[in-house]
C-alpha cells in the first residue's frame, strides 16, 4: 500500500470520526447530559439509600463497589446508541451508499463509525466518573487495565451498534436490541452485585454474559477485586471484537441491509 493511499485513508477516517463527534457534541444536552443525570440517580437510590441497608460488597462499601459498574453501563449504552442511530440515519438519508461506492475501503468506514461511538462512550464515561466523585472517592488500582478494558468495551459495543444499524429497516428497529438484549445483559452483568453471591447454577449462567467480564475487568482496575482473572476478561472482549468486526465487514462487503 502506497503512502498516498495511507494518507487518503487517514483523511477519510478522520473525516468520518470528526462528523460523528460533532454530531453528538452539538446536541450534548441530549447525548451527554441525560446519562449523567440517570447515573446520578443510580448513585443516590442504589448507592445512598439501598446501599446503606446492603452493607459491604466483597469487602468494599456498596457505593464504592457499584461505581465501576455504572461507569461501564454508561460507556456501553452510549457507544452502542451513537453508532446504531448514526449508521441507520446514514441509510435513511441514503448517503451511506455514496461512501460505499467511493474508493474508501469498508474497513475504514467501519473504523470511522466505531471510533465516533468510542468518542461518545468515553466522553459520557468521563462525565459519569466526575459525577461519581460526589458520592465516592476516586479509586485506581491499575489505571492501565481500566483504560484498556473501557476502550475495548466501547469498541465492541460500537461494532454491535453498527451491525444493528445494518439490519434495521425502521427507526423502531434500532430500539429492539437495546431494549430486549442490551438492557437485560447490562443489569445482569454484575453492575449492582458480585456474581459470587449467586447460586452455583446462576453463576454458570452468568458466565455466558460477556458484559459480566467487562464490568469485572474494569472493577479490578479500579478496586483490585474481581471474580475472574483479568486475562480471561481481556480474552473474552477481544474475541467478541474479532467476531463482530468480521461480521460487520462481511455485511458491508455484501451490501446486506443497504442494497435493495
Protein backbone atom coordinates (compact mmCIF):
# COMPACT_ATOMS: atom_id res chain seq x y z
CA UNK A 1 0.00 0.00 0.00
CA UNK A 2 1.48 3.34 -1.05
CA UNK A 3 1.99 6.33 1.21
CA UNK A 4 -0.60 8.25 -0.85
CA UNK A 5 -3.22 5.58 -0.19
CA UNK A 6 -2.46 5.60 3.51
CA UNK A 7 -2.82 9.37 3.60
CA UNK A 8 -6.15 9.22 1.73
CA UNK A 9 -7.46 6.54 4.07
CA UNK A 10 -6.38 8.57 7.10
CA UNK A 11 -8.19 11.65 5.76
CA UNK A 12 -11.34 9.57 5.20
CA UNK A 13 -11.15 8.04 8.66
CA UNK A 14 -10.55 11.41 10.31
CA UNK A 15 -13.43 12.98 8.39
CA UNK A 16 -15.92 10.28 9.47
CA UNK A 17 -14.78 10.46 13.10
CA UNK A 18 -14.97 14.26 13.09
CA UNK A 19 -18.51 14.10 11.67
CA UNK A 20 -19.54 11.60 14.34
CA UNK A 21 -18.02 13.63 17.18
CA UNK A 22 -19.61 16.88 16.01
CA UNK A 23 -22.91 15.05 15.62
CA UNK A 24 -23.23 14.24 19.34
CA UNK A 25 -21.23 17.23 20.63
CA UNK A 26 -23.59 19.77 19.03
CA UNK A 27 -26.52 18.32 20.96
CA UNK A 28 -24.67 17.47 24.19
CA UNK A 29 -27.76 18.34 26.21
CA UNK A 30 -29.45 15.32 24.60
CA UNK A 31 -26.45 12.99 24.30
CA UNK A 32 -24.15 13.66 27.28
CA UNK A 33 -26.34 15.17 29.99
CA UNK A 34 -29.20 12.58 30.23
CA UNK A 35 -26.99 9.53 31.01
CA UNK A 36 -25.10 11.60 33.59
CA UNK A 37 -28.34 12.55 35.33
CA UNK A 38 -29.59 8.96 35.17
CA UNK A 39 -26.36 7.66 36.70
CA UNK A 40 -26.52 10.28 39.45
CA UNK A 41 -29.96 8.92 40.33
CA UNK A 42 -28.47 5.40 40.47
CA UNK A 43 -25.87 6.67 42.92
CA UNK A 44 -28.49 8.34 45.09
CA UNK A 45 -31.02 5.49 45.09
CA UNK A 46 -28.90 2.34 44.90
CA UNK A 47 -25.70 3.60 46.48
CA UNK A 48 -27.07 6.05 49.03
CA UNK A 49 -30.48 4.72 50.08
CA UNK A 50 -30.40 0.97 49.36
CA UNK A 51 -26.64 0.63 49.78
CA UNK A 52 -26.79 1.60 53.44
CA UNK A 53 -29.00 -1.42 54.11
CA UNK A 54 -26.96 -3.80 51.97
CA UNK A 55 -23.69 -3.01 53.71
CA UNK A 56 -20.33 -4.06 52.25
CA UNK A 57 -19.91 -5.94 48.98
CA UNK A 58 -16.74 -8.02 48.56
CA UNK A 59 -15.19 -6.02 51.38
CA UNK A 60 -15.97 -2.62 49.85
CA UNK A 61 -18.58 -0.03 50.71
CA UNK A 62 -21.53 -0.67 48.39
CA UNK A 63 -21.34 2.81 46.88
CA UNK A 64 -17.68 2.24 46.00
CA UNK A 65 -18.48 -1.20 44.60
CA UNK A 66 -21.10 -0.02 42.07
CA UNK A 67 -19.11 2.95 40.71
CA UNK A 68 -17.07 0.91 38.17
CA UNK A 69 -20.20 -0.92 37.01
CA UNK A 70 -22.19 2.29 36.50
CA UNK A 71 -19.34 3.86 34.53
CA UNK A 72 -19.22 0.81 32.28
CA UNK A 73 -23.01 0.84 31.93
CA UNK A 74 -22.84 4.41 30.63
CA UNK A 75 -19.97 3.62 28.25
CA UNK A 76 -21.70 0.53 26.83
CA UNK A 77 -25.09 2.12 26.18
CA UNK A 78 -23.72 5.32 24.67
CA UNK A 79 -21.12 3.67 22.44
CA UNK A 80 -23.86 1.42 21.11
CA UNK A 81 -26.60 4.02 20.70
CA UNK A 82 -24.33 6.53 18.96
CA UNK A 83 -23.34 4.16 16.17
CA UNK A 84 -26.70 2.46 15.64
CA UNK A 85 -28.53 5.79 15.32
CA UNK A 86 -25.83 7.37 13.15
CA UNK A 87 -25.45 4.44 10.77
CA UNK A 88 -29.19 3.98 10.39
CA UNK A 89 -29.54 7.72 9.82
CA UNK A 90 -26.97 7.43 7.02
CA UNK A 91 -29.02 4.61 5.49
CA UNK A 92 -32.29 6.52 5.88
CA UNK A 93 -30.84 9.64 4.23
CA UNK A 94 -29.18 7.41 1.62
CA UNK A 95 -25.71 8.91 1.84
CA UNK A 96 -24.11 5.71 3.17
CA UNK A 97 -24.33 4.42 -0.39
CA UNK A 98 -22.08 7.25 -1.56
CA UNK A 99 -19.48 6.19 0.98
CA UNK A 100 -19.70 2.54 -0.05
CA UNK A 101 -19.15 3.27 -3.77
CA UNK A 102 -16.26 5.64 -3.04
CA UNK A 103 -12.61 4.45 -3.03
CA UNK A 104 -12.74 4.29 0.77
CA UNK A 105 -12.30 0.68 1.99
CA UNK A 106 -15.20 -0.65 4.02
CA UNK A 107 -12.80 -1.31 6.87
CA UNK A 108 -12.05 2.43 7.10
CA UNK A 109 -15.79 3.23 7.09
CA UNK A 110 -16.35 0.77 9.92
CA UNK A 111 -13.47 2.18 11.97
CA UNK A 112 -14.72 5.73 11.41
CA UNK A 113 -18.18 4.98 12.75
CA UNK A 114 -16.78 2.83 15.56
CA UNK A 115 -14.35 5.43 16.87
CA UNK A 116 -17.07 8.04 16.69
CA UNK A 117 -19.06 5.80 19.02
CA UNK A 118 -15.98 5.30 21.19
CA UNK A 119 -15.60 9.08 21.48
CA UNK A 120 -19.14 9.43 22.78
CA UNK A 121 -18.86 6.41 25.08
CA UNK A 122 -15.64 7.69 26.65
CA UNK A 123 -17.00 11.24 26.92
CA UNK A 124 -20.01 10.03 28.85
CA UNK A 125 -17.80 7.69 30.89
CA UNK A 126 -15.56 10.59 31.96
CA UNK A 127 -18.62 12.72 32.81
CA UNK A 128 -20.06 9.89 34.93
CA UNK A 129 -16.68 9.44 36.63
CA UNK A 130 -16.66 13.12 37.58
CA UNK A 131 -20.19 12.84 38.98
CA UNK A 132 -19.19 9.75 40.96
CA UNK A 133 -16.61 11.83 42.85
CA UNK A 134 -19.50 13.49 44.69
CA UNK A 135 -20.50 10.08 46.07
CA UNK A 136 -17.30 8.04 46.25
CA UNK A 137 -13.56 8.83 46.32
CA UNK A 138 -11.63 8.02 43.15
CA UNK A 139 -10.10 4.55 43.39
CA UNK A 140 -7.47 3.37 40.90
CA UNK A 141 -5.78 0.01 41.42
CA UNK A 142 -4.40 -0.31 37.88
CA UNK A 143 -5.01 2.63 35.53
CA UNK A 144 -3.72 0.69 32.51
CA UNK A 145 -6.25 -2.11 32.99
CA UNK A 146 -9.07 0.40 33.43
CA UNK A 147 -8.15 2.24 30.23
CA UNK A 148 -7.75 -0.91 28.13
CA UNK A 149 -10.99 -2.51 29.36
CA UNK A 150 -13.10 0.60 28.84
CA UNK A 151 -11.60 1.23 25.38
CA UNK A 152 -12.08 -2.36 24.20
CA UNK A 153 -15.60 -2.47 25.60
CA UNK A 154 -16.51 0.75 23.84
CA UNK A 155 -15.16 -0.62 20.54
CA UNK A 156 -17.10 -3.85 20.98
CA UNK A 157 -20.46 -2.19 21.52
CA UNK A 158 -19.86 0.39 18.82
CA UNK A 159 -19.41 -2.56 16.42
CA UNK A 160 -22.59 -4.14 17.79
CA UNK A 161 -24.44 -0.87 17.18
CA UNK A 162 -23.21 -0.77 13.58
CA UNK A 163 -24.46 -4.30 12.95
CA UNK A 164 -27.84 -3.38 14.44
CA UNK A 165 -27.89 -0.34 12.15
CA UNK A 166 -27.19 -2.52 9.12
CA UNK A 167 -30.18 -4.75 9.77
CA UNK A 168 -32.58 -2.04 10.99
CA UNK A 169 -35.29 -1.15 8.48
CA UNK A 170 -37.21 1.39 10.58
CA UNK A 171 -36.45 3.68 13.50
CA UNK A 172 -38.32 1.25 15.73
CA UNK A 173 -35.84 -1.49 14.82
CA UNK A 174 -32.91 0.36 16.37
CA UNK A 175 -34.62 0.17 19.78
CA UNK A 176 -35.31 -3.58 19.77
CA UNK A 177 -31.81 -4.81 20.64
CA UNK A 178 -31.11 -2.17 23.34
CA UNK A 179 -34.48 -2.86 24.96
CA UNK A 180 -34.67 -6.65 24.81
CA UNK A 181 -30.99 -7.66 24.71
CA UNK A 182 -28.62 -4.93 25.86
CA UNK A 183 -30.56 -3.72 28.91
CA UNK A 184 -31.10 -7.21 30.43
CA UNK A 185 -27.45 -8.14 29.82
CA UNK A 186 -26.15 -4.98 31.48
CA UNK A 187 -28.35 -5.27 34.55
CA UNK A 188 -27.44 -8.96 34.87
CA UNK A 189 -23.77 -8.23 34.24
CA UNK A 190 -22.65 -7.64 37.81
CA UNK A 191 -23.16 -3.89 37.85
CA UNK A 192 -25.01 -3.95 41.18
CA UNK A 193 -23.80 -7.22 42.68
CA UNK A 194 -20.96 -9.72 42.82
CA UNK A 195 -21.52 -12.91 40.84
CA UNK A 196 -20.10 -14.85 43.80
CA UNK A 197 -23.37 -14.15 45.67
CA UNK A 198 -25.42 -16.13 43.15
CA UNK A 199 -26.25 -19.84 43.49
CA UNK A 200 -23.91 -22.13 41.60
CA UNK A 201 -26.35 -22.70 38.73
CA UNK A 202 -26.91 -18.98 38.13
CA UNK A 203 -23.19 -18.32 38.38
CA UNK A 204 -22.75 -20.68 35.46
CA UNK A 205 -25.50 -18.94 33.51
CA UNK A 206 -23.99 -15.52 34.26
CA UNK A 207 -20.67 -16.61 32.81
CA UNK A 208 -22.35 -16.69 29.39
CA UNK A 209 -22.93 -12.95 29.67
CA UNK A 210 -19.97 -11.10 28.06
CA UNK A 211 -20.79 -7.86 29.89
CA UNK A 212 -20.00 -9.58 33.18
CA UNK A 213 -16.34 -9.90 32.15
CA UNK A 214 -16.16 -6.26 31.07
CA UNK A 215 -17.59 -4.93 34.32
CA UNK A 216 -15.44 -7.35 36.32
CA UNK A 217 -12.28 -6.32 34.46
CA UNK A 218 -12.95 -2.63 34.96
CA UNK A 219 -13.77 -3.21 38.63
CA UNK A 220 -10.44 -4.99 39.02
CA UNK A 221 -8.63 -1.98 37.54
CA UNK A 222 -10.47 0.32 39.94
CA UNK A 223 -10.75 -1.64 43.19
CA UNK A 224 -8.36 -4.54 42.70
CA UNK A 225 -11.20 -7.04 43.23
CA UNK A 226 -12.53 -9.40 40.58
CA UNK A 227 -14.43 -12.65 40.15
CA UNK A 228 -12.35 -13.75 37.14
CA UNK A 229 -8.67 -13.50 36.16
CA UNK A 230 -8.10 -10.26 34.25
CA UNK A 231 -6.66 -12.14 31.25
CA UNK A 232 -9.93 -14.04 30.93
CA UNK A 233 -11.79 -10.74 30.70
CA UNK A 234 -9.36 -9.47 28.05
CA UNK A 235 -9.68 -12.69 26.05
CA UNK A 236 -13.49 -12.59 26.06
CA UNK A 237 -13.65 -8.94 24.98
CA UNK A 238 -11.05 -9.32 22.21
CA UNK A 239 -12.75 -12.47 20.91
CA UNK A 240 -16.11 -10.67 20.66
CA UNK A 241 -14.47 -7.70 18.92
CA UNK A 242 -12.91 -10.01 16.33
CA UNK A 243 -16.23 -11.75 15.65
CA UNK A 244 -18.26 -8.54 15.41
CA UNK A 245 -15.69 -6.73 13.26
CA UNK A 246 -15.56 -9.66 10.85
CA UNK A 247 -19.36 -9.79 10.72
CA UNK A 248 -19.62 -6.03 10.11
CA UNK A 249 -17.05 -6.19 7.31
CA UNK A 250 -18.83 -9.09 5.60
CA UNK A 251 -22.17 -7.28 5.84
CA UNK A 252 -20.81 -4.10 4.24
CA UNK A 253 -18.91 -6.01 1.56
CA UNK A 254 -22.10 -7.83 0.58
CA UNK A 255 -24.29 -4.76 0.93
CA UNK A 256 -26.71 -6.59 3.20
CA UNK A 257 -29.37 -4.26 4.57
CA UNK A 258 -28.20 -1.47 2.29
CA UNK A 259 -28.64 -2.54 -1.32
CA UNK A 260 -32.24 -3.05 -2.29
